[in-house]
Protein backbone atom coordinates (compact mmCIF):
# COMPACT_ATOMS: atom_id res chain seq x y z
CA UNK A 1 -7.63 -11.47 74.66
CA UNK A 2 -5.88 -13.83 72.29
CA UNK A 3 -8.84 -13.68 69.89
CA UNK A 4 -8.69 -9.88 69.97
CA UNK A 5 -4.99 -9.89 69.03
CA UNK A 6 -5.57 -12.39 66.21
CA UNK A 7 -8.45 -10.30 64.84
CA UNK A 8 -6.35 -7.14 65.07
CA UNK A 9 -3.50 -8.85 63.23
CA UNK A 10 -5.84 -10.02 60.44
CA UNK A 11 -7.30 -6.53 60.03
CA UNK A 12 -3.80 -5.07 59.91
CA UNK A 13 -2.78 -7.56 57.22
CA UNK A 14 -5.82 -6.70 55.10
CA UNK A 15 -5.10 -2.97 55.44
CA UNK A 16 -1.44 -3.49 54.54
CA UNK A 17 -2.37 -5.56 51.48
CA UNK A 18 -4.91 -2.93 50.37
CA UNK A 19 -2.46 -0.07 50.84
CA UNK A 20 0.20 -2.08 49.04
CA UNK A 21 -2.14 -2.55 46.06
CA UNK A 22 -2.98 1.14 45.94
CA UNK A 23 0.68 2.06 46.06
CA UNK A 24 1.94 -0.45 43.49
CA UNK A 25 -1.03 -1.08 41.15
CA UNK A 26 -0.68 1.05 38.05
CA UNK A 27 -3.22 1.54 35.29
CA UNK A 28 -1.89 0.95 31.79
CA UNK A 29 -2.83 3.81 29.43
CA UNK A 30 -5.54 2.90 26.93
CA UNK A 31 -3.73 3.63 23.67
CA UNK A 32 -5.67 4.45 20.50
CA UNK A 33 -3.96 5.14 17.17
CA UNK A 34 -6.45 7.88 16.32
CA UNK A 35 -6.03 9.82 19.57
CA UNK A 36 -2.52 8.99 20.77
CA UNK A 37 0.54 10.31 18.98
CA UNK A 38 2.89 7.64 20.33
CA UNK A 39 2.31 3.91 20.27
CA UNK A 40 5.59 3.04 22.00
CA UNK A 41 5.36 0.13 24.47
CA UNK A 42 4.27 0.90 27.99
CA UNK A 43 7.21 0.02 30.24
CA UNK A 44 6.84 -2.36 33.17
CA UNK A 45 8.96 -2.83 36.28
CA UNK A 46 9.50 -5.90 38.41
CA UNK A 47 7.58 -6.38 41.65
CA UNK A 48 4.49 -4.52 40.44
CA UNK A 49 0.86 -5.01 39.47
CA UNK A 50 -0.63 -3.43 36.36
CA UNK A 51 -4.25 -3.16 35.28
CA UNK A 52 -6.01 -2.29 32.02
CA UNK A 53 -9.72 -1.75 32.58
CA UNK A 54 -12.52 -0.93 30.12
CA UNK A 55 -10.06 -0.01 27.38
CA UNK A 56 -11.76 0.63 24.01
CA UNK A 57 -9.27 1.09 21.18
CA UNK A 58 -8.85 0.62 17.44
CA UNK A 59 -5.78 -1.49 18.23
CA UNK A 60 -5.96 -5.25 18.74
CA UNK A 61 -3.01 -5.20 21.16
CA UNK A 62 -1.64 -2.71 23.69
CA UNK A 63 2.15 -3.13 23.60
CA UNK A 64 4.01 -3.70 26.87
CA UNK A 65 7.72 -4.22 27.51
CA UNK A 66 10.11 -4.53 30.48
CA UNK A 67 11.77 -1.31 31.49
CA UNK A 68 15.41 -0.92 30.35
CA UNK A 69 16.28 -0.57 34.04
CA UNK A 70 15.53 -4.28 34.52
CA UNK A 71 19.11 -5.49 34.28
CA UNK A 72 19.14 -9.28 34.61
CA UNK A 73 15.74 -10.45 35.83
CA UNK A 74 12.15 -9.46 35.17
CA UNK A 75 10.03 -10.94 37.93
CA UNK A 76 6.98 -10.81 40.17
CA UNK A 77 4.75 -8.95 37.71
CA UNK A 78 0.96 -9.16 37.51
CA UNK A 79 -1.00 -7.87 34.52
CA UNK A 80 -4.80 -7.83 34.73
CA UNK A 81 -6.96 -6.89 31.74
CA UNK A 82 -10.66 -6.52 32.50
CA UNK A 83 -13.38 -5.78 29.96
CA UNK A 84 -12.73 -3.60 26.92
CA UNK A 85 -11.78 -4.69 23.39
CA UNK A 86 -7.99 -5.02 23.43
CA UNK A 87 -5.41 -7.58 24.48
CA UNK A 88 -2.04 -7.02 26.14
CA UNK A 89 1.10 -7.82 24.16
CA UNK A 90 4.08 -8.30 26.47
CA UNK A 91 7.18 -8.45 24.28
CA UNK A 92 10.77 -9.16 25.25
CA UNK A 93 12.83 -7.75 22.39
CA UNK A 94 16.30 -6.17 22.42
CA UNK A 95 16.60 -6.69 26.17
CA UNK A 96 19.50 -8.07 28.22
CA UNK A 97 17.44 -10.17 30.57
CA UNK A 98 18.74 -13.54 31.73
CA UNK A 99 15.64 -14.62 33.67
CA UNK A 100 11.89 -14.13 33.49
CA UNK A 101 10.11 -15.30 36.61
CA UNK A 102 6.69 -15.19 38.31
CA UNK A 103 4.58 -13.52 35.62
CA UNK A 104 0.79 -13.59 36.01
CA UNK A 105 -1.13 -12.35 32.96
CA UNK A 106 -4.92 -12.55 33.00
CA UNK A 107 -7.65 -11.44 30.61
CA UNK A 108 -11.26 -11.40 31.80
CA UNK A 109 -14.54 -10.39 30.13
CA UNK A 110 -12.82 -8.98 27.05
CA UNK A 111 -14.34 -8.87 23.56
CA UNK A 112 -11.83 -8.46 20.72
CA UNK A 113 -12.61 -8.49 17.00
CA UNK A 114 -9.87 -7.24 14.70
CA UNK A 115 -8.11 -7.53 11.36
CA UNK A 116 -4.31 -7.66 11.54
CA UNK A 117 -1.96 -7.39 8.57
CA UNK A 118 1.66 -8.52 8.94
CA UNK A 119 3.99 -7.10 6.30
CA UNK A 120 7.76 -7.45 5.83
CA UNK A 121 8.44 -4.53 8.13
CA UNK A 122 6.52 -5.95 11.08
CA UNK A 123 6.85 -9.67 10.58
CA UNK A 124 9.35 -10.11 13.40
CA UNK A 125 6.63 -9.10 15.88
CA UNK A 126 4.68 -12.12 16.98
CA UNK A 127 0.93 -11.76 17.15
CA UNK A 128 0.83 -12.93 20.76
CA UNK A 129 -0.12 -11.74 24.25
CA UNK A 130 3.33 -12.78 25.47
CA UNK A 131 6.39 -13.22 23.27
CA UNK A 132 9.88 -14.13 24.52
CA UNK A 133 11.45 -14.86 21.12
CA UNK A 134 13.45 -11.61 21.05
CA UNK A 135 15.26 -12.09 24.39
CA UNK A 136 18.45 -13.60 23.00
CA UNK A 137 20.40 -13.70 26.29
CA UNK A 138 17.64 -15.53 28.12
CA UNK A 139 18.57 -18.60 30.17
CA UNK A 140 15.43 -19.35 32.22
CA UNK A 141 11.68 -18.70 32.30
CA UNK A 142 9.96 -19.83 35.50
CA UNK A 143 6.42 -19.75 36.83
CA UNK A 144 4.42 -18.05 34.08
CA UNK A 145 0.62 -18.07 34.27
CA UNK A 146 -1.63 -16.93 31.43
CA UNK A 147 -5.39 -17.03 31.98
CA UNK A 148 -8.28 -16.14 29.67
CA UNK A 149 -11.72 -16.16 31.31
CA UNK A 150 -15.16 -15.19 29.99
CA UNK A 151 -13.71 -13.62 26.86
CA UNK A 152 -14.34 -13.65 23.11
CA UNK A 153 -11.37 -13.19 20.78
CA UNK A 154 -11.83 -13.07 17.00
CA UNK A 155 -8.74 -12.27 14.91
CA UNK A 156 -8.41 -12.24 11.13
CA UNK A 157 -4.70 -12.19 10.25
CA UNK A 158 -3.17 -11.64 6.82
CA UNK A 159 0.54 -12.42 6.46
CA UNK A 160 2.42 -10.90 3.52
CA UNK A 161 6.01 -11.07 4.75
CA UNK A 162 7.94 -13.30 2.35
CA UNK A 163 11.51 -13.20 3.61
CA UNK A 164 11.15 -13.67 7.35
CA UNK A 165 9.32 -16.05 9.64
CA UNK A 166 5.97 -14.76 10.85
CA UNK A 167 4.46 -16.01 14.09
CA UNK A 168 0.73 -16.02 14.75
CA UNK A 169 -0.01 -17.47 18.21
CA UNK A 170 -2.31 -14.95 19.90
CA UNK A 171 -2.58 -16.42 23.40
CA UNK A 172 1.14 -16.99 23.92
CA UNK A 173 4.34 -17.43 21.90
CA UNK A 174 6.80 -18.76 24.47
CA UNK A 175 9.48 -19.89 22.04
CA UNK A 176 12.97 -19.70 23.52
CA UNK A 177 15.33 -17.90 21.11
CA UNK A 178 18.62 -19.37 22.35
CA UNK A 179 20.06 -22.82 23.01
CA UNK A 180 19.95 -24.17 26.55
CA UNK A 181 16.97 -22.16 27.83
CA UNK A 182 14.81 -23.80 30.51
CA UNK A 183 11.10 -22.98 30.64
CA UNK A 184 9.47 -24.44 33.73
CA UNK A 185 6.18 -24.26 35.63
CA UNK A 186 4.01 -22.81 32.87
CA UNK A 187 0.26 -22.79 33.36
CA UNK A 188 -2.16 -21.75 30.62
CA UNK A 189 -5.93 -21.68 31.17
CA UNK A 190 -8.77 -20.87 28.77
CA UNK A 191 -12.11 -20.92 30.57
CA UNK A 192 -15.66 -19.97 29.46
CA UNK A 193 -14.24 -18.32 26.35
CA UNK A 194 -14.43 -18.31 22.55
CA UNK A 195 -11.23 -17.91 20.54
CA UNK A 196 -11.36 -17.87 16.73
CA UNK A 197 -8.24 -17.21 14.65
CA UNK A 198 -8.28 -17.04 10.84
CA UNK A 199 -4.84 -16.79 9.18
CA UNK A 200 -4.16 -16.21 5.50
CA UNK A 201 -0.48 -16.85 4.71
CA UNK A 202 -0.94 -16.99 0.94
CA UNK A 203 1.40 -14.03 0.52
CA UNK A 204 4.16 -15.55 2.66
CA UNK A 205 4.03 -19.32 2.45
CA UNK A 206 7.38 -19.90 0.82
CA UNK A 207 11.07 -19.97 1.80
CA UNK A 208 10.48 -19.60 5.56
CA UNK A 209 8.27 -21.60 7.88
CA UNK A 210 5.48 -19.57 9.39
CA UNK A 211 4.03 -20.38 12.81
CA UNK A 212 0.24 -20.68 12.78
CA UNK A 213 -1.34 -21.61 16.11
CA UNK A 214 -3.55 -20.32 18.87
CA UNK A 215 -0.73 -20.87 21.38
CA UNK A 216 2.89 -22.02 20.99
CA UNK A 217 5.56 -23.08 23.48
CA UNK A 218 9.03 -24.53 22.97
CA UNK A 219 12.37 -23.52 21.52
CA UNK A 220 13.52 -22.09 18.21
CA UNK A 221 16.85 -23.84 18.74
CA UNK A 222 18.15 -27.40 19.19
CA UNK A 223 18.66 -27.63 22.96
CA UNK A 224 16.63 -26.60 25.97
CA UNK A 225 14.20 -27.87 28.61
CA UNK A 226 10.44 -27.38 28.79
CA UNK A 227 9.40 -28.73 32.20
CA UNK A 228 6.09 -28.95 34.07
CA UNK A 229 3.67 -27.52 31.53
CA UNK A 230 -0.08 -27.49 32.23
CA UNK A 231 -2.64 -26.30 29.68
CA UNK A 232 -6.33 -26.62 30.45
CA UNK A 233 -9.34 -25.67 28.34
CA UNK A 234 -12.62 -25.47 30.27
CA UNK A 235 -16.04 -24.93 28.68
CA UNK A 236 -14.54 -23.05 25.73
CA UNK A 237 -14.53 -23.10 21.93
CA UNK A 238 -11.25 -22.72 20.02
CA UNK A 239 -11.16 -22.41 16.22
CA UNK A 240 -8.16 -22.11 13.89
CA UNK A 241 -8.39 -21.55 10.13
CA UNK A 242 -5.38 -21.35 7.81
CA UNK A 243 -5.32 -20.59 4.11
CA UNK A 244 -2.03 -20.83 2.22
CA UNK A 245 -0.79 -20.93 -1.36
CA UNK A 246 2.31 -22.00 -3.26
CA UNK A 247 4.81 -19.18 -3.76
CA UNK A 248 5.70 -18.73 -7.45
CA UNK A 249 9.48 -18.54 -6.93
CA UNK A 250 10.32 -20.90 -4.07
CA UNK A 251 9.36 -24.31 -2.75
CA UNK A 252 6.34 -24.31 -0.49
CA UNK A 253 7.24 -24.58 3.20
CA UNK A 254 4.64 -26.27 5.39
CA UNK A 255 3.40 -24.38 8.45
CA UNK A 256 1.89 -27.45 10.18
CA UNK A 257 -0.85 -25.46 11.93
CA UNK A 258 -2.06 -26.55 15.37
CA UNK A 259 -4.26 -25.06 18.04
CA UNK A 260 -1.60 -25.90 20.64
CA UNK A 261 1.91 -26.17 19.27
CA UNK A 262 4.70 -27.52 21.52
CA UNK A 263 7.81 -27.75 19.39
CA UNK A 264 11.60 -27.62 19.15
CA UNK A 265 13.64 -26.77 16.07
CA UNK A 266 14.82 -30.35 15.60
CA UNK A 267 13.31 -33.70 16.48
CA UNK A 268 14.55 -37.25 16.23
CA UNK A 269 18.21 -36.42 16.78
CA UNK A 270 20.44 -38.20 19.25
CA UNK A 271 22.67 -35.11 19.44
CA UNK A 272 19.90 -32.57 20.02
CA UNK A 273 18.76 -32.29 23.62
CA UNK A 274 15.47 -30.42 23.43
CA UNK A 275 13.49 -31.97 26.28
CA UNK A 276 9.74 -31.76 26.92
CA UNK A 277 8.86 -33.29 30.28
CA UNK A 278 5.95 -33.22 32.70
CA UNK A 279 3.12 -32.06 30.42
CA UNK A 280 -0.61 -32.14 31.25
CA UNK A 281 -3.04 -31.14 28.48
CA UNK A 282 -6.68 -31.15 29.58
CA UNK A 283 -10.05 -30.47 27.95
CA UNK A 284 -13.17 -30.37 30.13
CA UNK A 285 -16.62 -28.85 30.41
CA UNK A 286 -17.63 -29.81 26.88
CA UNK A 287 -14.90 -27.80 25.17
CA UNK A 288 -14.88 -27.72 21.37
CA UNK A 289 -11.94 -27.50 18.96
CA UNK A 290 -12.12 -26.79 15.23
CA UNK A 291 -9.34 -26.63 12.62
CA UNK A 292 -9.78 -25.91 8.92
CA UNK A 293 -6.78 -25.84 6.56
CA UNK A 294 -6.66 -25.00 2.87
CA UNK A 295 -3.22 -25.70 1.42
CA UNK A 296 -1.73 -26.07 -2.09
CA UNK A 297 -1.25 -29.40 -3.82
CA UNK A 298 2.47 -29.34 -3.02
CA UNK A 299 1.72 -29.11 0.69
CA UNK A 300 2.97 -31.58 3.26
CA UNK A 301 1.13 -29.70 6.01
CA UNK A 302 -0.12 -31.66 9.00
CA UNK A 303 -3.02 -29.99 10.78
CA UNK A 304 -3.70 -30.91 14.40
CA UNK A 305 -5.36 -29.86 17.63
CA UNK A 306 -2.43 -30.74 19.91
CA UNK A 307 1.00 -31.06 18.30
CA UNK A 308 4.07 -32.17 20.29
CA UNK A 309 7.41 -32.32 18.46
CA UNK A 310 10.52 -32.55 20.63
CA UNK A 311 13.70 -34.61 20.57
CA UNK A 312 12.96 -36.05 24.02
CA UNK A 313 9.42 -36.29 25.44
CA UNK A 314 8.75 -37.78 28.87
CA UNK A 315 5.75 -37.87 31.21
CA UNK A 316 3.05 -36.60 28.86
CA UNK A 317 -0.65 -36.77 29.77
CA UNK A 318 -3.47 -35.77 27.40
CA UNK A 319 -6.86 -35.92 29.13
CA UNK A 320 -9.91 -35.27 26.94
CA UNK A 321 -12.88 -35.41 29.24
CA UNK A 322 -16.51 -36.15 28.49
CA UNK A 323 -18.30 -34.15 25.76
CA UNK A 324 -15.10 -32.81 24.25
CA UNK A 325 -15.56 -32.20 20.51
CA UNK A 326 -12.59 -32.03 18.11
CA UNK A 327 -12.98 -31.48 14.38
CA UNK A 328 -10.37 -31.10 11.63
CA UNK A 329 -11.06 -30.36 7.98
CA UNK A 330 -8.20 -30.19 5.44
CA UNK A 331 -8.63 -29.46 1.74
CA UNK A 332 -6.42 -28.83 -1.24
CA UNK A 333 -6.57 -25.24 -2.47
CA UNK A 334 -5.65 -24.09 -5.98
CA UNK A 335 -6.44 -24.79 -9.62
CA UNK A 336 -4.06 -27.75 -9.82
CA UNK A 337 -5.76 -29.72 -7.04
CA UNK A 338 -8.03 -31.68 -9.34
CA UNK A 339 -5.09 -33.37 -11.04
CA UNK A 340 -2.83 -33.79 -8.01
CA UNK A 341 -2.02 -37.11 -6.41
CA UNK A 342 -3.66 -37.51 -3.04
CA UNK A 343 -0.26 -38.19 -1.43
CA UNK A 344 0.54 -34.48 -1.64
CA UNK A 345 -2.53 -33.29 0.21
CA UNK A 346 -2.50 -32.01 3.81
CA UNK A 347 -3.02 -34.55 6.61
CA UNK A 348 -4.91 -34.33 9.89
CA UNK A 349 -4.44 -35.48 13.49
CA UNK A 350 -6.27 -34.83 16.74
CA UNK A 351 -3.18 -35.44 18.91
CA UNK A 352 0.21 -35.63 17.20
CA UNK A 353 3.37 -36.81 19.00
CA UNK A 354 6.08 -36.68 16.39
CA UNK A 355 9.76 -37.30 15.82
CA UNK A 356 11.16 -38.05 19.28
CA UNK A 357 14.46 -39.83 19.67
CA UNK A 358 13.16 -40.83 23.14
CA UNK A 359 9.46 -40.93 24.06
CA UNK A 360 8.48 -42.47 27.39
CA UNK A 361 5.62 -42.56 29.89
CA UNK A 362 2.87 -41.13 27.70
CA UNK A 363 -0.84 -41.41 28.40
CA UNK A 364 -3.78 -40.33 26.25
CA UNK A 365 -7.26 -40.56 27.75
CA UNK A 366 -10.47 -39.80 25.85
CA UNK A 367 -13.86 -40.58 27.40
CA UNK A 368 -17.20 -39.70 25.81
CA UNK A 369 -15.66 -37.49 23.12
CA UNK A 370 -16.67 -36.75 19.53
CA UNK A 371 -14.02 -36.60 16.81
CA UNK A 372 -14.62 -35.57 13.21
CA UNK A 373 -11.81 -35.65 10.63
CA UNK A 374 -12.17 -34.83 6.95
CA UNK A 375 -8.92 -35.20 5.04
CA UNK A 376 -8.29 -36.29 1.45
CA UNK A 377 -4.98 -37.89 2.41
CA UNK A 378 -4.57 -39.23 5.93
CA UNK A 379 -6.39 -38.85 9.23
CA UNK A 380 -4.93 -40.00 12.53
CA UNK A 381 -6.89 -39.53 15.72
CA UNK A 382 -3.95 -40.13 18.07
CA UNK A 383 -0.46 -40.87 16.83
CA UNK A 384 3.07 -41.48 17.97
CA UNK A 385 4.93 -41.09 14.70
CA UNK A 386 8.58 -41.35 13.60
CA UNK A 387 9.73 -42.01 17.16
CA UNK A 388 13.09 -43.76 17.39
CA UNK A 389 12.41 -45.14 20.86
CA UNK A 390 8.95 -45.41 22.41
CA UNK A 391 8.20 -46.94 25.82
CA UNK A 392 5.35 -46.93 28.35
CA UNK A 393 2.78 -45.33 26.06
CA UNK A 394 -0.94 -45.96 26.52
CA UNK A 395 -4.25 -44.78 25.10
CA UNK A 396 -7.53 -45.28 26.99
CA UNK A 397 -10.32 -44.44 24.60
CA UNK A 398 -14.09 -44.51 24.94
CA UNK A 399 -15.44 -42.65 21.96
CA UNK A 400 -18.84 -41.11 21.79
CA UNK A 401 -18.48 -40.76 18.04
CA UNK A 402 -15.75 -40.84 15.37
CA UNK A 403 -16.62 -39.77 11.86
CA UNK A 404 -14.94 -38.38 8.79
CA UNK A 405 -14.11 -38.61 5.12
CA UNK A 406 -10.50 -39.71 4.75
CA UNK A 407 -7.97 -41.46 2.60
CA UNK A 408 -6.56 -43.49 5.50
CA UNK A 409 -7.73 -43.42 9.11
CA UNK A 410 -5.58 -44.55 12.03
CA UNK A 411 -6.33 -44.65 15.72
CA UNK A 412 -3.21 -45.37 17.72
CA UNK A 413 0.43 -45.57 16.76
CA UNK A 414 2.65 -45.28 13.75
CA UNK A 415 6.09 -46.21 15.03
CA UNK A 416 9.34 -46.13 13.14
CA UNK A 417 12.33 -47.55 14.91
């Protein structure tokens, strides 16, 4: 009798869950600029599940936004994109939200190949699946999960916006716009996928710093907390290419491109309190990472795979498991390169930890990996650089192969106290 009641209860729960999905799951319209008169964002509500299935469009992104009825919090939202040739773009702009919580965004079996041009009129829109940089009243972002599985994403981006900052970080651009924001419990996963991003910022590489990455997380301001961040790449290939040029009227501003960019607006300050704590960055399943940068002779660009730049960085683990391949190639671009001192060329790092006033309890592990760095100036495989205070940092390295053509090669630490 007891077994009968338990079985009945389980069946009832399954039925309730199924009915709940049918009542709350909503299909996102497949927008196409040639067939749809309006390309306004599709509005989302809290406590709901949304799907986008088999959408074929001439757009690279389908725009999504929280409904204006969401007063203070946007929470408990699931977005599932399956097959098709578009990505979701969840933007938080001109909203009065204080909290974003429990967001699950997944992309599976999608093939995207697109050219995107960013001009002055649209440069404030980040090229990203999720962008929080326009939510100026935001105080907290908790429990966000972004997953890409079995997908191929190829984007060619041209940036021609000279007088504003342009952000290219297609997988996520979780950059807090205000001081004091806490981002906690973020999980990003790229599995069985190919992501290739080519960015040409030659028309906009002066005056303002552009963001060039595959994914970016941090704060655009001087204070805030980024806590419990996990990013894992499994059996995937990620490629980032950047081409830039000196602007004729202003001093060149380095973009410092990185596949994964974790950054605050200011590092190395005892007054700034931008904290990055509890970070786990993992590569497994023979994942491969490639970065190619062409920058002008006046460039001080530093190209990297993983870049961490915060005022305070604690409890950081980078785990590069067997058969990981990481390759960086930086070259000087422009007619003046032949006569330029090598000290002005772009540099390269595999893992860059830069500019912390306090850096403690860091661990980098690399076992059976292959690293290739070609840089005319400086190549650093792993580096803690310009840190005012560094304690409890370790690197456990068993290379399969390290090769490259460089001016100077470092493996380990450059510490400035």
